[in-house]
Every structure is written in structure tokens, then in C-alpha cells.
């Protein structure tokens, strides 16, 4: 395992949840860590990314203001804080590292995903 997500689970609508992504490889300063999600029958969807060294971030418009990406460089861990969760946020969430941006092809290393279920 080179990237490992954790923190998924069952939450109620309106709850908050923070996902973690531990990289067991050194993350280069020029690389980015991204978060994506996928539901059955749909393509993997970009959510947010952070440039490892600079901390520059970018977000998919649909989650901007509700999701926050961050990282702890010394521990090689990235985070995705998700607020005001909705049932439509139910998905498998993946973290990945690569050159950055919103395109999945820019990311070469992927975790196995963590399931987030938002339901009352």
C-alpha cells in the first residue's frame, strides 16, 4: 500500500467528516495530492487538490466552500474536510498523487478508496 485513505463511514445529512490520506512514499514538493469520488456507473469525479510544497489549492466548483483540502507535510498526510454533507455526497472517495489539476490522468498513484455514506 502506497496511499491509504481512512475516515470514511456512515454519517447523517448535515454532518461533517474528515478523510485522511497517508502516503507511505515521499511526496515531492512539486507534486499534488488530489481527492476524487466515484459512485456506481459514474466516472471518477475530481473534488480538490493541493500542491504539496506551496499549499496552493483548487476545487471543483460544486464542493467549493463546503470541502477543504489540506496536508501535513511532515507526516505525509493529506486531509479532506467535508461539511454539510448531503446524501448525494455518498460515494467511494479516493486520494491520489501526481502532477496536479483536475484531470485523473495527471495522477499516477491512487489509494484504494474509502466509502462515505450519507443517510438518515
Protein backbone atom coordinates (compact mmCIF):
# COMPACT_ATOMS: atom_id res chain seq x y z
CA UNK A 1 0.00 0.00 0.00
CA UNK A 2 1.47 3.34 -1.02
CA UNK A 3 -1.52 5.60 -0.45
CA UNK A 4 -4.10 4.77 2.15
CA UNK A 5 -7.35 6.59 2.79
CA UNK A 6 -9.20 6.46 6.06
CA UNK A 7 -12.05 8.21 7.81
CA UNK A 8 -14.99 7.10 5.74
CA UNK A 9 -18.18 5.84 7.29
CA UNK A 10 -21.88 6.40 7.75
CA UNK A 11 -22.97 9.93 8.64
CA UNK A 12 -26.23 11.81 8.66
CA UNK A 13 -27.11 14.68 6.35
CA UNK A 14 -25.62 17.90 7.63
CA UNK A 15 -22.76 16.17 9.42
CA UNK A 16 -19.09 16.78 8.87
CA UNK A 17 -16.41 14.21 8.14
CA UNK A 18 -12.68 14.42 7.61
CA UNK A 19 -10.92 11.94 5.38
CA UNK A 20 -7.21 11.26 5.66
CA UNK A 21 -4.73 10.07 3.07
CA UNK A 22 -1.44 8.69 4.27
CA UNK A 23 1.34 8.45 1.73
CA UNK A 24 3.93 5.82 2.51
CA UNK A 25 6.15 7.31 -0.16
CA UNK A 26 7.75 10.70 -0.01
CA UNK A 27 5.54 13.24 -1.74
CA UNK A 28 7.60 15.55 -3.88
CA UNK A 29 7.14 19.23 -3.28
CA UNK A 30 6.14 19.76 -6.88
CA UNK A 31 3.51 17.05 -6.73
CA UNK A 32 -0.07 17.50 -5.72
CA UNK A 33 -2.47 15.38 -3.76
CA UNK A 34 -5.96 15.20 -5.09
CA UNK A 35 -9.26 13.86 -3.86
CA UNK A 36 -11.80 12.26 -6.12
CA UNK A 37 -15.00 10.31 -5.64
CA UNK A 38 -16.94 7.77 -7.59
CA UNK A 39 -20.40 6.28 -7.48
CA UNK A 40 -21.50 3.12 -9.31
CA UNK A 41 -21.93 3.67 -13.02
CA UNK A 42 -20.34 7.11 -12.99
CA UNK A 43 -16.91 8.42 -13.82
CA UNK A 44 -14.48 9.33 -11.10
CA UNK A 45 -15.08 12.94 -10.18
CA UNK A 46 -12.45 15.48 -9.16
CA UNK A 47 -13.08 17.27 -5.88
CA UNK A 48 -9.99 19.11 -4.73
CA UNK A 49 -6.23 19.14 -4.88
CA UNK A 50 -3.35 20.71 -3.01
CA UNK A 51 0.17 21.42 -4.22
CA UNK A 52 2.33 19.67 -1.67
CA UNK A 53 5.03 22.28 -1.10
CA UNK A 54 3.19 25.52 -1.68
CA UNK A 55 -0.19 24.57 -0.28
CA UNK A 56 -1.95 26.05 -3.27
CA UNK A 57 -5.38 24.54 -3.61
CA UNK A 58 -8.02 24.15 -6.24
CA UNK A 59 -11.56 22.85 -6.01
CA UNK A 60 -14.36 21.58 -8.11
CA UNK A 61 -16.95 24.32 -8.07
CA UNK A 62 -19.66 22.02 -6.75
CA UNK A 63 -17.81 21.45 -3.46
CA UNK A 64 -16.03 24.76 -3.05
CA UNK A 65 -16.91 26.32 0.28
CA UNK A 66 -18.11 23.04 1.69
CA UNK A 67 -14.99 20.86 1.34
CA UNK A 68 -11.50 21.87 2.45
CA UNK A 69 -8.29 20.15 1.45
CA UNK A 70 -5.12 20.39 3.49
CA UNK A 71 -1.92 18.48 4.16
CA UNK A 72 0.59 17.86 6.88
CA UNK A 73 3.90 17.72 5.11
CA UNK A 74 5.98 16.24 7.91
CA UNK A 75 3.66 13.25 8.22
CA UNK A 76 2.95 12.86 4.52
CA UNK A 77 -0.77 13.02 5.21
CA UNK A 78 -3.46 14.84 3.32
CA UNK A 79 -6.95 15.64 4.52
CA UNK A 80 -10.32 16.37 3.04
CA UNK A 81 -12.69 18.03 5.45
CA UNK A 82 -16.28 17.76 4.31
CA UNK A 83 -19.01 19.86 5.84
CA UNK A 84 -22.79 19.95 5.46
CA UNK A 85 -22.78 16.53 3.89
CA UNK A 86 -25.66 15.58 1.63
CA UNK A 87 -26.98 12.19 0.54
CA UNK A 88 -25.59 12.89 -2.92
CA UNK A 89 -22.11 13.00 -1.40
CA UNK A 90 -22.37 9.26 -0.89
CA UNK A 91 -19.51 7.71 -2.83
CA UNK A 92 -16.17 5.98 -2.60
CA UNK A 93 -13.57 8.65 -2.02
CA UNK A 94 -10.06 8.29 -3.40
CA UNK A 95 -6.88 10.20 -2.86
CA UNK A 96 -4.13 10.33 -5.43
CA UNK A 97 -0.78 11.97 -6.03
CA UNK A 98 0.58 13.33 -9.26
CA UNK A 99 1.27 16.48 -11.17
CA UNK A 100 -1.96 18.14 -10.12
CA UNK A 101 -5.02 19.66 -11.69
CA UNK A 102 -8.47 18.19 -12.05
CA UNK A 103 -7.76 15.52 -14.62
CA UNK A 104 -7.50 11.98 -13.32
CA UNK A 105 -4.79 11.20 -15.85
CA UNK A 106 -2.49 13.63 -14.06
CA UNK A 107 -2.42 11.34 -11.05
CA UNK A 108 -0.39 8.17 -11.16
CA UNK A 109 -0.66 6.84 -7.65
CA UNK A 110 -4.04 6.04 -6.13
CA UNK A 111 -5.38 4.77 -2.87
CA UNK A 112 -7.95 2.02 -2.69
CA UNK A 113 -10.73 4.31 -1.59
CA UNK A 114 -12.88 4.81 1.46
CA UNK A 115 -16.66 4.66 1.44
CA UNK A 116 -18.67 7.61 2.66
CA UNK A 117 -22.39 7.07 3.12
CA UNK A 118 -24.64 9.99 3.94
CA UNK A 119 -28.02 8.79 5.07
CA UNK A 120 -30.57 9.40 7.76
